[in-house]
Amino acid sequence: MTQLSDTQALILSAASQRPEHIALPLPESLRGGAAAKVVGAMIGKGLLQEVDADLRKGEPMWRETGDGHGVTLIATDAGLAAIGIEPDDTHSARTGTDEAPRGVSATDTTTAPEATPKARTLREGTKQATLIAMLRAPEGATIEEIIAATGWQSHTVRGAMAGALKKKLGLEVTSEKVEGRGRVYSLPRD
């Protein structure tokens, strides 16, 4: 039996209760790079499948295909079986183990890894790497300390934490008010 993370089990469980076993929307806590990584792994294991989104039915879109269309995510028979649910016949017709997914011809050679977003790697010596190191330190860092280390302005620091770290890299930046220091930001240490 396939070992599932809590997040994967949550996604599949929610999909099992939706019409046509659509896996979207993903849990609120799963965004950006983290969402792409989890979905990519689930597609790779055959638990989820990308199929053309039927926007007329209001199906949510996972990503655009570049030709004005989009794809949605559905739980496969294997994904449902991984959480102990026996798939019904109507679901098998949509995912089609012996037929091409909806909107894909049988001769199409596009593979799932090609559609999976690439993982981001962190370059050493960059200001972003400095920011992450400061936030991972046991004492965390204040906006003023980050400004001194990077030379950025305060709005740039806040934007980097919200955009690059939270949205793009999927990191969970936390903050707390520390007496004598002010607001201190931190990241969980690896």
Protein backbone atom coordinates (compact mmCIF):
# COMPACT_ATOMS: atom_id res chain seq x y z
CA MET A 1 0.00 0.00 0.00
CA THR A 2 1.25 3.50 -0.83
CA GLN A 3 2.56 5.57 2.09
CA LEU A 4 0.88 8.98 2.07
CA SER A 5 1.82 12.15 3.89
CA ASP A 6 -0.92 13.87 5.88
CA THR A 7 -1.20 16.51 3.14
CA GLN A 8 -1.52 13.92 0.38
CA ALA A 9 -4.19 12.02 2.34
CA LEU A 10 -6.08 15.28 2.94
CA ILE A 11 -6.02 16.17 -0.77
CA LEU A 12 -7.23 12.71 -1.82
CA SER A 13 -9.90 12.57 0.87
CA ALA A 14 -11.32 15.94 -0.20
CA ALA A 15 -11.21 14.87 -3.87
CA SER A 16 -13.10 11.66 -3.10
CA GLN A 17 -16.04 13.74 -1.87
CA ARG A 18 -16.21 16.11 -4.87
CA PRO A 19 -17.95 15.56 -8.20
CA GLU A 20 -15.70 13.69 -10.65
CA HIS A 21 -13.09 13.49 -7.82
CA ILE A 22 -11.58 16.91 -8.60
CA ALA A 23 -8.66 17.62 -6.25
CA LEU A 24 -9.02 21.41 -6.34
CA PRO A 25 -9.05 23.59 -4.38
CA LEU A 26 -6.00 22.45 -2.45
CA PRO A 27 -5.83 23.03 1.33
CA GLU A 28 -5.41 26.74 2.26
CA SER A 29 -2.07 26.02 3.94
CA LEU A 30 -0.59 24.63 0.71
CA ARG A 31 0.58 27.37 -1.65
CA GLY A 32 3.23 28.29 -4.20
CA GLY A 33 6.27 26.06 -4.47
CA ALA A 34 5.04 23.72 -1.76
CA ALA A 35 1.81 23.08 -3.68
CA ALA A 36 3.71 22.44 -6.91
CA LYS A 37 6.07 20.04 -5.13
CA VAL A 38 3.27 18.03 -3.46
CA VAL A 39 1.15 17.89 -6.64
CA GLY A 40 4.18 16.95 -8.76
CA ALA A 41 5.00 14.07 -6.41
CA MET A 42 1.39 12.89 -6.43
CA ILE A 43 1.24 12.98 -10.24
CA GLY A 44 4.54 11.09 -10.36
CA LYS A 45 3.12 8.37 -8.08
CA GLY A 46 -0.06 8.16 -10.17
CA LEU A 47 -2.30 9.44 -7.35
CA LEU A 48 -3.42 12.54 -9.27
CA GLN A 49 -3.82 13.20 -12.97
CA GLU A 50 -4.02 16.39 -15.00
CA VAL A 51 -7.02 16.53 -17.35
CA ASP A 52 -8.51 19.33 -19.42
CA ALA A 53 -10.63 21.60 -17.23
CA ASP A 54 -14.22 22.02 -18.36
CA LEU A 55 -14.64 25.72 -17.59
CA ARG A 56 -18.28 25.61 -18.75
CA LYS A 57 -18.98 23.31 -15.79
CA GLY A 58 -17.02 25.64 -13.52
CA GLU A 59 -14.17 23.21 -12.90
CA PRO A 60 -11.25 24.91 -11.15
CA MET A 61 -8.03 25.28 -13.14
CA TRP A 62 -4.68 24.03 -11.83
CA ARG A 63 -2.55 25.60 -14.56
CA GLU A 64 -2.83 27.02 -18.06
CA THR A 65 -1.55 24.94 -20.97
CA GLY A 66 -0.52 27.96 -23.02
CA ASP A 67 -3.11 27.54 -25.74
CA GLY A 68 -5.89 29.34 -23.92
CA HIS A 69 -6.99 26.19 -22.12
CA GLY A 70 -6.25 24.85 -18.69
CA VAL A 71 -6.01 21.62 -16.78
CA THR A 72 -7.52 20.56 -13.49
CA LEU A 73 -6.41 17.80 -11.13
CA ILE A 74 -8.43 14.68 -10.40
CA ALA A 75 -7.76 11.79 -8.08
CA THR A 76 -6.95 8.60 -10.00
CA ASP A 77 -8.25 5.14 -9.18
CA ALA A 78 -4.85 4.46 -7.55
CA GLY A 79 -5.18 7.65 -5.50
CA LEU A 80 -8.61 6.66 -4.24
CA ALA A 81 -7.42 3.13 -3.51
CA ALA A 82 -4.51 4.59 -1.49
CA ILE A 83 -7.05 6.06 0.96
CA GLY A 84 -9.20 2.92 0.95
CA ILE A 85 -11.95 4.04 -1.44
CA GLU A 86 -13.03 1.79 -4.27
CA PRO A 87 -13.50 3.90 -7.43
CA ASP A 88 -16.80 3.83 -9.32
CA ASP A 89 -17.22 3.22 -13.06
CA THR A 90 -17.90 6.88 -13.93
CA HIS A 91 -14.59 7.89 -12.38
CA SER A 92 -12.68 5.22 -14.29
CA ALA A 93 -14.08 6.61 -17.53
CA ARG A 94 -12.63 10.06 -16.79
CA THR A 95 -9.15 8.95 -15.71
CA GLY A 96 -9.10 6.04 -18.16
CA THR A 97 -6.39 3.54 -17.39
CA ASP A 98 -6.73 2.04 -20.86
CA GLU A 99 -7.63 5.25 -22.66
CA ALA A 100 -6.02 8.66 -22.98
CA PRO A 101 -7.11 11.36 -20.52
CA ARG A 102 -9.86 13.69 -21.66
CA GLY A 103 -8.47 16.15 -24.22
CA VAL A 104 -5.28 14.14 -24.89
CA SER A 105 -4.95 11.97 -27.98
CA ALA A 106 -3.70 8.42 -27.62
CA THR A 107 -0.62 9.33 -29.69
CA ASP A 108 0.32 12.31 -27.50
CA THR A 109 3.72 11.65 -25.90
CA THR A 110 3.64 14.43 -23.30
CA THR A 111 4.67 13.06 -19.92
CA ALA A 112 3.77 14.28 -16.43
CA PRO A 113 7.34 15.19 -15.34
CA GLU A 114 7.49 17.71 -18.19
CA ALA A 115 4.38 19.43 -16.83
CA THR A 116 5.65 19.43 -13.22
CA PRO A 117 7.22 22.73 -12.12
CA LYS A 118 10.95 22.60 -11.42
CA ALA A 119 12.11 22.83 -7.82
CA ARG A 120 13.90 26.07 -6.96
CA THR A 121 17.47 25.90 -5.71
CA LEU A 122 18.96 28.50 -3.41
CA ARG A 123 22.22 30.12 -4.54
CA GLU A 124 24.78 30.77 -1.80
CA GLY A 125 26.04 34.30 -1.24
CA THR A 126 22.87 36.07 -2.41
CA LYS A 127 20.90 38.56 -0.36
CA GLN A 128 18.01 36.07 -0.32
CA ALA A 129 20.33 33.42 1.14
CA THR A 130 21.45 35.96 3.76
CA LEU A 131 17.81 36.71 4.61
CA ILE A 132 16.98 33.00 4.99
CA ALA A 133 20.06 32.37 7.16
CA MET A 134 19.12 35.28 9.43
CA LEU A 135 15.53 34.06 9.77
CA ARG A 136 16.69 30.50 10.53
CA ALA A 137 19.01 31.67 13.32
CA PRO A 138 17.71 30.69 16.79
CA GLU A 139 17.06 34.34 17.68
CA GLY A 140 15.43 35.23 14.32
CA ALA A 141 15.82 38.75 12.93
CA THR A 142 14.10 42.12 13.01
CA ILE A 143 13.42 44.25 9.92
CA GLU A 144 16.15 46.67 11.06
CA GLU A 145 18.73 43.86 11.37
CA ILE A 146 17.87 42.56 7.89
CA ILE A 147 18.14 46.10 6.45
CA ALA A 148 21.63 46.43 7.98
CA ALA A 149 22.77 43.07 6.55
CA THR A 150 21.29 43.40 3.03
CA GLY A 151 21.14 47.14 2.38
CA TRP A 152 17.49 46.78 1.37
CA GLN A 153 14.73 49.19 2.35
CA SER A 154 12.04 48.02 4.76
CA HIS A 155 9.40 47.56 2.04
CA THR A 156 11.84 45.38 0.08
CA VAL A 157 12.45 43.18 3.13
CA ARG A 158 8.72 42.72 3.71
CA GLY A 159 8.15 42.04 0.01
CA ALA A 160 10.93 39.43 -0.07
CA MET A 161 9.44 37.64 2.94
CA ALA A 162 5.90 37.66 1.53
CA GLY A 163 6.73 37.03 -2.13
CA ALA A 164 9.97 35.12 -2.49
CA LEU A 165 9.94 33.17 0.76
CA LYS A 166 6.24 32.50 1.37
CA LYS A 167 4.73 32.37 -2.12
CA LYS A 168 7.58 31.17 -4.34
CA LEU A 169 9.56 28.95 -1.95
CA GLY A 170 6.62 27.92 0.26
CA LEU A 171 8.44 28.75 3.50
CA GLU A 172 6.43 29.59 6.62
CA VAL A 173 7.68 32.92 8.00
CA THR A 174 6.49 33.53 11.57
CA SER A 175 6.74 36.62 13.72
CA GLU A 176 6.40 37.49 17.37
CA LYS A 177 6.82 40.61 19.42
CA VAL A 178 9.87 40.38 21.69
CA GLU A 179 10.23 42.87 24.53
CA GLY A 180 13.23 45.14 24.01
CA ARG A 181 13.67 44.01 20.41
CA GLY A 182 10.36 44.62 18.67
CA ARG A 183 8.84 42.33 16.02
CA VAL A 184 11.13 39.36 15.34
CA TYR A 185 10.70 37.21 12.21
CA SER A 186 11.88 33.62 11.90
CA LEU A 187 11.77 30.44 9.84
CA PRO A 188 11.71 26.87 11.17
CA ARG A 189 15.23 25.40 11.18
CA ASP A 190 15.90 22.33 9.02
